[in-house]
Amino acid sequence: ETLTVVIFGATGDLAKKKLFPALYELLYGCPEAPLLPASTRILGFGRARVELGEFLAKQCVNVTGPRRADFLSRIAYFQ
């Protein structure tokens, strides 16, 4: 079972401060984790032209934890 989470406005403040950290917690951080399927993918859409590495560095700065690299590998960004 695959789940794809689509975030419109992925370069915004809400995604940075709330959405990406919450998705990390649902996948890895909470005691009952994972609460989302192990094959979950995250697609971010925004108006800004940004390279993926730059996007992840800026928007996922609030994502912390031992599985951060695995979480970041699930994310794609499109303009």
PDB file of N, CA and C in Angstrom:
ATOM      1  N   GLU A   1       0.845  -1.181   0.000  1.00  0.00           N
ATOM      2  CA  GLU A   1       0.000   0.000   0.000  1.00  0.00           C
ATOM      3  C   GLU A   1       0.888   1.241   0.000  1.00  0.00           C
ATOM      4  N   THR A   2       0.661   2.108  -0.955  1.00  0.00           N
ATOM      5  CA  THR A   2       1.448   3.326  -1.081  1.00  0.00           C
ATOM      6  C   THR A   2       0.558   4.530  -0.835  1.00  0.00           C
ATOM      7  N   LEU A   3       1.095   5.491  -0.096  1.00  0.00           N
ATOM      8  CA  LEU A   3       0.401   6.747   0.152  1.00  0.00           C
ATOM      9  C   LEU A   3       1.273   7.870  -0.373  1.00  0.00           C
ATOM     10  N   THR A   4       0.672   8.788  -1.114  1.00  0.00           N
ATOM     11  CA  THR A   4       1.377   9.976  -1.576  1.00  0.00           C
ATOM     12  C   THR A   4       0.714  11.185  -0.945  1.00  0.00           C
ATOM     13  N   VAL A   5       1.497  11.946  -0.191  1.00  0.00           N
ATOM     14  CA  VAL A   5       1.013  13.172   0.433  1.00  0.00           C
ATOM     15  C   VAL A   5       1.461  14.325  -0.449  1.00  0.00           C
ATOM     16  N   VAL A   6       0.510  15.147  -0.872  1.00  0.00           N
ATOM     17  CA  VAL A   6       0.800  16.288  -1.730  1.00  0.00           C
ATOM     18  C   VAL A   6       0.653  17.552  -0.894  1.00  0.00           C
ATOM     19  N   ILE A   7       1.710  18.375  -0.901  1.00  0.00           N
ATOM     20  CA  ILE A   7       1.688  19.640  -0.163  1.00  0.00           C
ATOM     21  C   ILE A   7       1.770  20.776  -1.169  1.00  0.00           C
ATOM     22  N   PHE A   8       0.677  21.532  -1.291  1.00  0.00           N
ATOM     23  CA  PHE A   8       0.679  22.731  -2.125  1.00  0.00           C
ATOM     24  C   PHE A   8       1.170  23.885  -1.261  1.00  0.00           C
ATOM     25  N   GLY A   9       2.035  24.697  -1.810  1.00  0.00           N
ATOM     26  CA  GLY A   9       2.645  25.759  -1.022  1.00  0.00           C
ATOM     27  C   GLY A   9       3.768  25.224  -0.149  1.00  0.00           C
ATOM     28  N   ALA A  10       4.504  24.261  -0.669  1.00  0.00           N
ATOM     29  CA  ALA A  10       5.537  23.563   0.103  1.00  0.00           C
ATOM     30  C   ALA A  10       6.712  24.449   0.488  1.00  0.00           C
ATOM     31  N   THR A  11       6.865  25.608  -0.162  1.00  0.00           N
ATOM     32  CA  THR A  11       7.958  26.514   0.189  1.00  0.00           C
ATOM     33  C   THR A  11       7.542  27.515   1.260  1.00  0.00           C
ATOM     34  N   GLY A  12       6.333  27.390   1.751  1.00  0.00           N
ATOM     35  CA  GLY A  12       5.821  28.340   2.726  1.00  0.00           C
ATOM     36  C   GLY A  12       6.160  28.009   4.165  1.00  0.00           C
ATOM     37  N   ASP A  13       5.805  28.944   5.025  1.00  0.00           N
ATOM     38  CA  ASP A  13       6.106  28.860   6.448  1.00  0.00           C
ATOM     39  C   ASP A  13       5.352  27.721   7.144  1.00  0.00           C
ATOM     40  N   LEU A  14       4.087  27.494   6.769  1.00  0.00           N
ATOM     41  CA  LEU A  14       3.303  26.428   7.394  1.00  0.00           C
ATOM     42  C   LEU A  14       3.939  25.065   7.142  1.00  0.00           C
ATOM     43  N   ALA A  15       4.358  24.826   5.916  1.00  0.00           N
ATOM     44  CA  ALA A  15       5.002  23.550   5.591  1.00  0.00           C
ATOM     45  C   ALA A  15       6.292  23.388   6.376  1.00  0.00           C
ATOM     46  N   LYS A  16       7.070  24.454   6.455  1.00  0.00           N
ATOM     47  CA  LYS A  16       8.360  24.410   7.149  1.00  0.00           C
ATOM     48  C   LYS A  16       8.204  24.154   8.649  1.00  0.00           C
ATOM     49  N   LYS A  17       7.305  24.880   9.280  1.00  0.00           N
ATOM     50  CA  LYS A  17       7.185  24.816  10.739  1.00  0.00           C
ATOM     51  C   LYS A  17       6.298  23.688  11.244  1.00  0.00           C
ATOM     52  N   LYS A  18       5.300  23.296  10.449  1.00  0.00           N
ATOM     53  CA  LYS A  18       4.312  22.329  10.953  1.00  0.00           C
ATOM     54  C   LYS A  18       4.197  21.039  10.148  1.00  0.00           C
ATOM     55  N   LEU A  19       4.050  21.162   8.825  1.00  0.00           N
ATOM     56  CA  LEU A  19       3.713  19.978   8.028  1.00  0.00           C
ATOM     57  C   LEU A  19       4.842  18.965   7.931  1.00  0.00           C
ATOM     58  N   PHE A  20       6.048  19.407   7.555  1.00  0.00           N
ATOM     59  CA  PHE A  20       7.155  18.456   7.434  1.00  0.00           C
ATOM     60  C   PHE A  20       7.521  17.816   8.784  1.00  0.00           C
ATOM     61  N   PRO A  21       7.616  18.597   9.877  1.00  0.00           N
ATOM     62  CA  PRO A  21       7.886  17.955  11.173  1.00  0.00           C
ATOM     63  C   PRO A  21       6.784  16.974  11.594  1.00  0.00           C
ATOM     64  N   ALA A  22       5.528  17.309  11.311  1.00  0.00           N
ATOM     65  CA  ALA A  22       4.424  16.418  11.680  1.00  0.00           C
ATOM     66  C   ALA A  22       4.473  15.120  10.879  1.00  0.00           C
ATOM     67  N   LEU A  23       4.787  15.219   9.595  1.00  0.00           N
ATOM     68  CA  LEU A  23       4.887  14.004   8.781  1.00  0.00           C
ATOM     69  C   LEU A  23       6.031  13.116   9.269  1.00  0.00           C
ATOM     70  N   TYR A  24       7.143  13.726   9.666  1.00  0.00           N
ATOM     71  CA  TYR A  24       8.248  12.938  10.230  1.00  0.00           C
ATOM     72  C   TYR A  24       7.791  12.195  11.479  1.00  0.00           C
ATOM     73  N   GLU A  25       7.086  12.887  12.348  1.00  0.00           N
ATOM     74  CA  GLU A  25       6.608  12.257  13.584  1.00  0.00           C
ATOM     75  C   GLU A  25       5.658  11.102  13.282  1.00  0.00           C
ATOM     76  N   LEU A  26       4.782  11.270  12.306  1.00  0.00           N
ATOM     77  CA  LEU A  26       3.848  10.205  11.949  1.00  0.00           C
ATOM     78  C   LEU A  26       4.566   8.978  11.382  1.00  0.00           C
ATOM     79  N   LEU A  27       5.664   9.211  10.684  1.00  0.00           N
ATOM     80  CA  LEU A  27       6.405   8.098  10.092  1.00  0.00           C
ATOM     81  C   LEU A  27       7.391   7.449  11.061  1.00  0.00           C
ATOM     82  N   TYR A  28       8.036   8.249  11.919  1.00  0.00           N
ATOM     83  CA  TYR A  28       9.139   7.713  12.715  1.00  0.00           C
ATOM     84  C   TYR A  28       9.122   8.062  14.200  1.00  0.00           C
ATOM     85  N   GLY A  29       8.526   9.181  14.565  1.00  0.00           N
ATOM     86  CA  GLY A  29       8.753   9.709  15.900  1.00  0.00           C
ATOM     87  C   GLY A  29       7.791   9.317  16.993  1.00  0.00           C
ATOM     88  N   CYS A  30       6.548   9.052  16.656  1.00  0.00           N
ATOM     89  CA  CYS A  30       5.574   8.791  17.707  1.00  0.00           C
ATOM     90  C   CYS A  30       5.682   7.344  18.203  1.00  0.00           C
ATOM     91  N   PRO A  31       5.213   7.082  19.415  1.00  0.00           N
ATOM     92  CA  PRO A  31       5.341   5.735  19.994  1.00  0.00           C
ATOM     93  C   PRO A  31       4.689   4.630  19.160  1.00  0.00           C
ATOM     94  N   GLU A  32       3.619   4.952  18.447  1.00  0.00           N
ATOM     95  CA  GLU A  32       2.924   3.943  17.636  1.00  0.00           C
ATOM     96  C   GLU A  32       3.395   3.938  16.181  1.00  0.00           C
ATOM     97  N   ALA A  33       4.487   4.628  15.900  1.00  0.00           N
ATOM     98  CA  ALA A  33       4.971   4.786  14.519  1.00  0.00           C
ATOM     99  C   ALA A  33       5.279   3.435  13.893  1.00  0.00           C
ATOM    100  N   PRO A  34       5.051   3.287  12.624  1.00  0.00           N
ATOM    101  CA  PRO A  34       4.563   4.306  11.709  1.00  0.00           C
ATOM    102  C   PRO A  34       3.039   4.352  11.670  1.00  0.00           C
ATOM    103  N   LEU A  35       2.501   5.553  11.669  1.00  0.00           N
ATOM    104  CA  LEU A  35       1.061   5.738  11.517  1.00  0.00           C
ATOM    105  C   LEU A  35       0.689   5.969  10.055  1.00  0.00           C
ATOM    106  N   LEU A  36       1.689   6.071   9.207  1.00  0.00           N
ATOM    107  CA  LEU A  36       1.507   6.145   7.757  1.00  0.00           C
ATOM    108  C   LEU A  36       2.201   4.935   7.149  1.00  0.00           C
ATOM    109  N   PRO A  37       1.763   4.477   5.970  1.00  0.00           N
ATOM    110  CA  PRO A  37       2.420   3.326   5.346  1.00  0.00           C
ATOM    111  C   PRO A  37       3.919   3.542   5.166  1.00  0.00           C
ATOM    112  N   ALA A  38       4.675   2.492   5.263  1.00  0.00           N
ATOM    113  CA  ALA A  38       6.131   2.562   5.137  1.00  0.00           C
ATOM    114  C   ALA A  38       6.568   3.080   3.772  1.00  0.00           C
ATOM    115  N   SER A  39       5.730   2.964   2.775  1.00  0.00           N
ATOM    116  CA  SER A  39       6.074   3.405   1.422  1.00  0.00           C
ATOM    117  C   SER A  39       5.576   4.820   1.108  1.00  0.00           C
ATOM    118  N   THR A  40       5.245   5.586   2.109  1.00  0.00           N
ATOM    119  CA  THR A  40       4.721   6.939   1.910  1.00  0.00           C
ATOM    120  C   THR A  40       5.721   7.831   1.179  1.00  0.00           C
ATOM    121  N   ARG A  41       5.229   8.567   0.198  1.00  0.00           N
ATOM    122  CA  ARG A  41       6.022   9.545  -0.548  1.00  0.00           C
ATOM    123  C   ARG A  41       5.418  10.919  -0.296  1.00  0.00           C
ATOM    124  N   ILE A  42       6.222  11.956  -0.337  1.00  0.00           N
ATOM    125  CA  ILE A  42       5.749  13.320  -0.117  1.00  0.00           C
ATOM    126  C   ILE A  42       6.137  14.158  -1.326  1.00  0.00           C
ATOM    127  N   LEU A  43       5.128  14.767  -1.950  1.00  0.00           N
ATOM    128  CA  LEU A  43       5.350  15.628  -3.107  1.00  0.00           C
ATOM    129  C   LEU A  43       5.030  17.061  -2.712  1.00  0.00           C
ATOM    130  N   GLY A  44       6.007  17.931  -2.865  1.00  0.00           N
ATOM    131  CA  GLY A  44       5.799  19.337  -2.571  1.00  0.00           C
ATOM    132  C   GLY A  44       5.684  20.133  -3.855  1.00  0.00           C
ATOM    133  N   PHE A  45       4.719  21.032  -3.894  1.00  0.00           N
ATOM    134  CA  PHE A  45       4.544  21.922  -5.033  1.00  0.00           C
ATOM    135  C   PHE A  45       4.633  23.353  -4.543  1.00  0.00           C
ATOM    136  N   GLY A  46       5.325  24.192  -5.297  1.00  0.00           N
ATOM    137  CA  GLY A  46       5.441  25.599  -4.942  1.00  0.00           C
ATOM    138  C   GLY A  46       5.670  26.441  -6.179  1.00  0.00           C
ATOM    139  N   ARG A  47       5.576  27.754  -6.015  1.00  0.00           N
ATOM    140  CA  ARG A  47       5.766  28.668  -7.144  1.00  0.00           C
ATOM    141  C   ARG A  47       7.229  28.959  -7.416  1.00  0.00           C
ATOM    142  N   ALA A  48       8.062  28.832  -6.410  1.00  0.00           N
ATOM    143  CA  ALA A  48       9.477  29.176  -6.550  1.00  0.00           C
ATOM    144  C   ALA A  48      10.261  28.073  -7.256  1.00  0.00           C
ATOM    145  N   ARG A  49      11.196  28.497  -8.095  1.00  0.00           N
ATOM    146  CA  ARG A  49      12.095  27.543  -8.752  1.00  0.00           C
ATOM    147  C   ARG A  49      13.251  27.290  -7.785  1.00  0.00           C
ATOM    148  N   VAL A  50      13.310  26.096  -7.230  1.00  0.00           N
ATOM    149  CA  VAL A  50      14.300  25.756  -6.216  1.00  0.00           C
ATOM    150  C   VAL A  50      14.816  24.350  -6.498  1.00  0.00           C
ATOM    151  N   GLU A  51      16.117  24.151  -6.366  1.00  0.00           N
ATOM    152  CA  GLU A  51      16.691  22.815  -6.478  1.00  0.00           C
ATOM    153  C   GLU A  51      16.286  21.993  -5.251  1.00  0.00           C
ATOM    154  N   LEU A  52      16.187  20.692  -5.411  1.00  0.00           N
ATOM    155  CA  LEU A  52      15.716  19.837  -4.329  1.00  0.00           C
ATOM    156  C   LEU A  52      16.583  19.955  -3.076  1.00  0.00           C
ATOM    157  N   GLY A  53      17.891  19.938  -3.235  1.00  0.00           N
ATOM    158  CA  GLY A  53      18.775  20.030  -2.070  1.00  0.00           C
ATOM    159  C   GLY A  53      18.578  21.315  -1.288  1.00  0.00           C
ATOM    160  N   GLU A  54      18.446  22.411  -2.001  1.00  0.00           N
ATOM    161  CA  GLU A  54      18.211  23.704  -1.369  1.00  0.00           C
ATOM    162  C   GLU A  54      16.845  23.730  -0.683  1.00  0.00           C
ATOM    163  N   PHE A  55      15.856  23.158  -1.343  1.00  0.00           N
ATOM    164  CA  PHE A  55      14.509  23.073  -0.776  1.00  0.00           C
ATOM    165  C   PHE A  55      14.513  22.295   0.539  1.00  0.00           C
ATOM    166  N   LEU A  56      15.148  21.132   0.531  1.00  0.00           N
ATOM    167  CA  LEU A  56      15.184  20.298   1.736  1.00  0.00           C
ATOM    168  C   LEU A  56      15.937  20.984   2.868  1.00  0.00           C
ATOM    169  N   ALA A  57      17.048  21.641   2.541  1.00  0.00           N
ATOM    170  CA  ALA A  57      17.842  22.325   3.563  1.00  0.00           C
ATOM    171  C   ALA A  57      17.043  23.437   4.224  1.00  0.00           C
ATOM    172  N   LYS A  58      16.247  24.146   3.448  1.00  0.00           N
ATOM    173  CA  LYS A  58      15.477  25.271   3.981  1.00  0.00           C
ATOM    174  C   LYS A  58      14.186  24.820   4.661  1.00  0.00           C
ATOM    175  N   GLN A  59      13.433  23.966   3.997  1.00  0.00           N
ATOM    176  CA  GLN A  59      12.095  23.637   4.478  1.00  0.00           C
ATOM    177  C   GLN A  59      12.073  22.533   5.536  1.00  0.00           C
ATOM    178  N   CYS A  60      13.098  21.729   5.624  1.00  0.00           N
ATOM    179  CA  CYS A  60      13.096  20.624   6.589  1.00  0.00           C
ATOM    180  C   CYS A  60      14.078  20.859   7.729  1.00  0.00           C
ATOM    181  N   VAL A  61      14.399  22.123   7.975  1.00  0.00           N
ATOM    182  CA  VAL A  61      15.325  22.460   9.053  1.00  0.00           C
ATOM    183  C   VAL A  61      14.762  22.068  10.420  1.00  0.00           C
ATOM    184  N   ASN A  62      13.439  22.023  10.559  1.00  0.00           N
ATOM    185  CA  ASN A  62      12.808  21.670  11.830  1.00  0.00           C
ATOM    186  C   ASN A  62      12.568  20.170  11.994  1.00  0.00           C
ATOM    187  N   VAL A  63      12.962  19.404  11.012  1.00  0.00           N
ATOM    188  CA  VAL A  63      12.842  17.945  11.093  1.00  0.00           C
ATOM    189  C   VAL A  63      14.120  17.415  11.729  1.00  0.00           C
ATOM    190  N   THR A  64      13.977  16.835  12.901  1.00  0.00           N
ATOM    191  CA  THR A  64      15.138  16.289  13.603  1.00  0.00           C
ATOM    192  C   THR A  64      14.839  14.878  14.057  1.00  0.00           C
ATOM    193  N   GLY A  65      15.849  14.063  14.085  1.00  0.00           N
ATOM    194  CA  GLY A  65      15.688  12.693  14.539  1.00  0.00           C
ATOM    195  C   GLY A  65      16.646  11.771  13.829  1.00  0.00           C
ATOM    196  N   PRO A  66      16.779  10.571  14.334  1.00  0.00           N
ATOM    197  CA  PRO A  66      17.756   9.631  13.782  1.00  0.00           C
ATOM    198  C   PRO A  66      17.433   9.146  12.364  1.00  0.00           C
ATOM    199  N   ARG A  67      16.186   9.249  11.933  1.00  0.00           N
ATOM    200  CA  ARG A  67      15.796   8.771  10.597  1.00  0.00           C
ATOM    201  C   ARG A  67      15.577   9.916   9.614  1.00  0.00           C
ATOM    202  N   ARG A  68      16.175  11.062   9.905  1.00  0.00           N
ATOM    203  CA  ARG A  68      15.985  12.262   9.080  1.00  0.00           C
ATOM    204  C   ARG A  68      16.372  12.019   7.622  1.00  0.00           C
ATOM    205  N   ALA A  69      17.489  11.392   7.379  1.00  0.00           N
ATOM    206  CA  ALA A  69      17.944  11.146   6.001  1.00  0.00           C
ATOM    207  C   ALA A  69      16.954  10.270   5.244  1.00  0.00           C
ATOM    208  N   ASP A  70      16.415   9.254   5.903  1.00  0.00           N
ATOM    209  CA  ASP A  70      15.412   8.400   5.266  1.00  0.00           C
ATOM    210  C   ASP A  70      14.160   9.209   4.930  1.00  0.00           C
ATOM    211  N   PHE A  71      13.750  10.074   5.850  1.00  0.00           N
ATOM    212  CA  PHE A  71      12.580  10.928   5.619  1.00  0.00           C
ATOM    213  C   PHE A  71      12.812  11.845   4.421  1.00  0.00           C
ATOM    214  N   LEU A  72      13.967  12.496   4.366  1.00  0.00           N
ATOM    215  CA  LEU A  72      14.263  13.418   3.275  1.00  0.00           C
ATOM    216  C   LEU A  72      14.285  12.711   1.915  1.00  0.00           C
ATOM    217  N   SER A  73      14.665  11.452   1.900  1.00  0.00           N
ATOM    218  CA  SER A  73      14.702  10.716   0.639  1.00  0.00           C
ATOM    219  C   SER A  73      13.306  10.434   0.085  1.00  0.00           C
ATOM    220  N   ARG A  74      12.288  10.614   0.882  1.00  0.00           N
ATOM    221  CA  ARG A  74      10.900  10.401   0.455  1.00  0.00           C
ATOM    222  C   ARG A  74      10.281  11.617  -0.205  1.00  0.00           C
ATOM    223  N   ILE A  75      10.974  12.762  -0.158  1.00  0.00           N
ATOM    224  CA  ILE A  75      10.405  14.034  -0.586  1.00  0.00           C
ATOM    225  C   ILE A  75      10.866  14.403  -1.994  1.00  0.00           C
ATOM    226  N   ALA A  76       9.942  14.883  -2.794  1.00  0.00           N
ATOM    227  CA  ALA A  76      10.242  15.446  -4.113  1.00  0.00           C
ATOM    228  C   ALA A  76       9.589  16.814  -4.182  1.00  0.00           C
ATOM    229  N   TYR A  77      10.177  17.721  -4.966  1.00  0.00           N
ATOM    230  CA  TYR A  77       9.646  19.066  -5.096  1.00  0.00           C
ATOM    231  C   TYR A  77       9.475  19.419  -6.568  1.00  0.00           C
ATOM    232  N   PHE A  78       8.345  20.054  -6.877  1.00  0.00           N
ATOM    233  CA  PHE A  78       8.041  20.466  -8.248  1.00  0.00           C
ATOM    234  C   PHE A  78       7.539  21.890  -8.248  1.00  0.00           C
ATOM    235  N   GLN A  79       7.887  22.608  -9.313  1.00  0.00           N
ATOM    236  CA  GLN A  79       7.399  23.974  -9.473  1.00  0.00           C
ATOM    237  C   GLN A  79       6.288  23.977 -10.488  1.00  0.00           C
TER     238      GLN A  79
END
